[in-house]
Amino acid sequence: MLAHELSISRTSVRRILRDDLQYHAYKMRVVPLLKDEHKAKRKTKISNWIRTYFKKKTTMKILFSDEKMFDIDEVYNSQNDRIWAVNRQEADKAGGRKQKRKFSDKIMVWLGVCSKGVFPVGNYVLPVTLKYGNTPYQHSNTAMVPRTFSNVHR
């Protein structure tokens, strides 16, 4: 549409937007239409809910935790990773072939946050086998919990 109005090619318009003006293409997102009164009501409701259901003694026993599995192999996205070359053989020589193991090794990183602070991530990298039900995972996840956490928060 812009190319038609300016009487230049679409590729020229894209090149100008991308290279000269440093613009990026973003997808439209659908979000709720919230007015200031909606935001104020939400804030009031959550404040009342917290005061009703949580006392300081209770909040001292809450642990927020999360874990993330990471593949050891490099992540490859065929939609984004491109090699510019004259032919397929040249592309392969320039790194156009990615080898991936069928069952790659993984590690799990766990992080916990409570009233005492954040547990350091580096000490709790868990070795993970292919299935969660295997013995190594079950033993390692309980053995890696810090002693101070086990004693204080029961």
Protein backbone atom coordinates (compact mmCIF):
# COMPACT_ATOMS: atom_id res chain seq x y z
CA MET A 1 0.00 0.00 0.00
CA LEU A 2 2.78 2.44 0.94
CA ALA A 3 4.82 1.28 -2.06
CA HIS A 4 1.88 1.96 -4.36
CA GLU A 5 1.35 5.45 -2.92
CA LEU A 6 5.04 6.35 -3.32
CA SER A 7 5.35 4.58 -6.71
CA ILE A 8 8.34 2.47 -5.65
CA SER A 9 8.76 -1.27 -5.28
CA ARG A 10 7.70 -3.19 -2.16
CA THR A 11 11.24 -4.44 -1.60
CA SER A 12 12.57 -0.89 -1.62
CA VAL A 13 10.02 0.12 1.00
CA ARG A 14 10.96 -2.89 3.15
CA ARG A 15 14.68 -2.16 2.78
CA ILE A 16 14.18 1.51 3.75
CA LEU A 17 12.07 0.58 6.79
CA ARG A 18 14.40 -2.19 7.92
CA ASP A 19 17.88 -0.88 7.08
CA ASP A 20 17.61 2.91 7.04
CA LEU A 21 14.95 3.54 9.69
CA GLN A 22 15.77 0.47 11.84
CA TYR A 23 12.09 -0.54 12.06
CA HIS A 24 11.05 -4.09 12.97
CA ALA A 25 7.84 -5.94 12.13
CA TYR A 26 5.72 -6.81 15.16
CA LYS A 27 2.53 -8.84 15.34
CA MET A 28 -0.61 -7.22 16.69
CA ARG A 29 -1.53 -8.41 20.18
CA VAL A 30 -4.97 -8.64 21.73
CA VAL A 31 -5.08 -7.30 25.30
CA PRO A 32 -7.98 -6.47 27.61
CA LEU A 33 -9.30 -2.94 27.47
CA LEU A 34 -8.72 -1.73 31.04
CA LYS A 35 -9.63 1.71 32.23
CA ASP A 36 -8.16 3.35 35.33
CA GLU A 37 -11.24 2.42 37.37
CA HIS A 38 -10.77 -1.28 36.45
CA LYS A 39 -7.14 -1.15 37.57
CA ALA A 40 -8.10 0.50 40.87
CA LYS A 41 -10.79 -2.15 41.53
CA ARG A 42 -8.31 -4.94 40.84
CA LYS A 43 -5.79 -3.41 43.23
CA THR A 44 -8.43 -3.08 45.97
CA LYS A 45 -9.67 -6.65 45.50
CA ILE A 46 -6.21 -8.20 45.67
CA SER A 47 -5.26 -6.11 48.72
CA ASN A 48 -8.39 -7.25 50.57
CA TRP A 49 -7.84 -10.86 49.53
CA ILE A 50 -4.24 -10.84 50.78
CA ARG A 51 -5.22 -9.26 54.12
CA THR A 52 -8.02 -11.82 54.57
CA TYR A 53 -6.16 -15.02 53.69
CA PHE A 54 -2.50 -14.34 54.54
CA LYS A 55 -0.99 -13.55 57.89
CA LYS A 56 2.72 -12.77 58.34
CA LYS A 57 3.37 -16.13 60.01
CA THR A 58 1.82 -17.92 57.02
CA THR A 59 3.78 -15.97 54.43
CA MET A 60 7.06 -16.86 56.15
CA LYS A 61 6.47 -20.50 55.15
CA ILE A 62 5.79 -19.92 51.44
CA LEU A 63 8.38 -21.03 48.91
CA PHE A 64 8.09 -19.87 45.32
CA SER A 65 10.07 -22.16 43.08
CA ASP A 66 10.51 -22.93 39.42
CA GLU A 67 12.62 -25.26 37.38
CA LYS A 68 13.67 -25.22 33.75
CA MET A 69 14.99 -28.04 31.57
CA PHE A 70 17.80 -27.08 29.21
CA ASP A 71 19.07 -29.15 26.28
CA ILE A 72 22.83 -29.38 26.02
CA ASP A 73 22.56 -29.34 22.22
CA GLU A 74 22.35 -26.06 20.34
CA VAL A 75 18.88 -24.76 19.53
CA TYR A 76 18.13 -24.69 15.81
CA ASN A 77 15.15 -22.93 14.24
CA SER A 78 14.74 -23.72 10.54
CA GLN A 79 12.44 -20.71 10.11
CA ASN A 80 15.06 -18.20 11.22
CA ASP A 81 18.51 -19.72 10.69
CA ARG A 82 19.51 -19.20 7.06
CA ILE A 83 22.77 -19.65 5.17
CA TRP A 84 23.33 -17.57 2.04
CA ALA A 85 25.30 -19.55 -0.55
CA VAL A 86 25.51 -20.33 -4.28
CA ASN A 87 24.40 -23.96 -3.91
CA ARG A 88 23.59 -26.60 -1.29
CA GLN A 89 27.14 -27.96 -1.12
CA GLU A 90 28.55 -24.50 -0.37
CA ALA A 91 25.86 -23.97 2.24
CA ASP A 92 26.79 -27.27 3.91
CA LYS A 93 30.46 -26.25 3.98
CA ALA A 94 29.52 -22.91 5.56
CA GLY A 95 27.70 -24.61 8.45
CA GLY A 96 24.35 -25.32 6.81
CA ARG A 97 24.05 -28.76 8.42
CA LYS A 98 23.23 -29.11 12.09
CA GLN A 99 23.76 -32.48 13.70
CA LYS A 100 21.55 -33.33 16.62
CA ARG A 101 21.49 -36.36 18.88
CA LYS A 102 18.24 -38.27 19.04
CA PHE A 103 18.21 -38.22 22.85
CA SER A 104 20.21 -35.20 23.91
CA ASP A 105 21.51 -34.67 27.43
CA LYS A 106 19.58 -32.26 29.60
CA ILE A 107 20.08 -30.41 32.82
CA MET A 108 17.50 -28.95 35.15
CA VAL A 109 18.06 -25.65 36.90
CA TRP A 110 15.98 -24.99 40.01
CA LEU A 111 15.45 -21.68 41.78
CA GLY A 112 13.62 -21.07 45.03
CA VAL A 113 12.61 -17.80 46.69
CA CYS A 114 11.21 -17.46 50.20
CA SER A 115 11.20 -15.00 53.08
CA LYS A 116 14.85 -15.85 53.81
CA GLY A 117 15.93 -14.84 50.30
CA VAL A 118 16.89 -16.45 47.01
CA PHE A 119 18.66 -19.79 46.92
CA PRO A 120 21.76 -19.61 44.69
CA VAL A 121 21.16 -21.23 41.31
CA GLY A 122 24.67 -22.55 40.68
CA ASN A 123 24.54 -25.15 43.45
CA TYR A 124 21.30 -26.75 42.32
CA VAL A 125 21.84 -27.90 38.75
CA LEU A 126 20.30 -31.34 38.67
CA PRO A 127 21.33 -34.13 36.28
CA VAL A 128 18.21 -35.43 34.54
CA THR A 129 17.64 -38.74 32.79
CA LEU A 130 15.28 -39.28 29.89
CA LYS A 131 12.27 -40.06 32.07
CA TYR A 132 11.34 -38.33 35.30
CA GLY A 133 10.48 -41.63 36.98
CA ASN A 134 14.07 -42.91 36.81
CA THR A 135 16.07 -43.35 39.99
CA PRO A 136 18.76 -40.67 39.38
CA TYR A 137 16.24 -37.83 39.24
CA GLN A 138 14.28 -38.96 42.30
CA HIS A 139 17.40 -39.22 44.46
CA SER A 140 19.10 -36.08 43.19
CA ASN A 141 16.15 -33.75 43.66
CA THR A 142 15.76 -34.49 47.37
CA ALA A 143 19.49 -34.67 48.03
CA MET A 144 20.13 -31.26 46.44
CA VAL A 145 17.68 -29.33 48.65
CA PRO A 146 19.75 -27.17 50.97
CA ARG A 147 19.93 -28.34 54.58
CA THR A 148 18.95 -24.90 55.91
CA PHE A 149 15.79 -24.95 53.81
CA SER A 150 14.85 -28.44 55.02
CA ASN A 151 15.25 -27.47 58.68
CA VAL A 152 13.65 -24.02 58.67
CA HIS A 153 10.60 -24.47 56.46
CA ARG A 154 8.79 -27.57 57.63
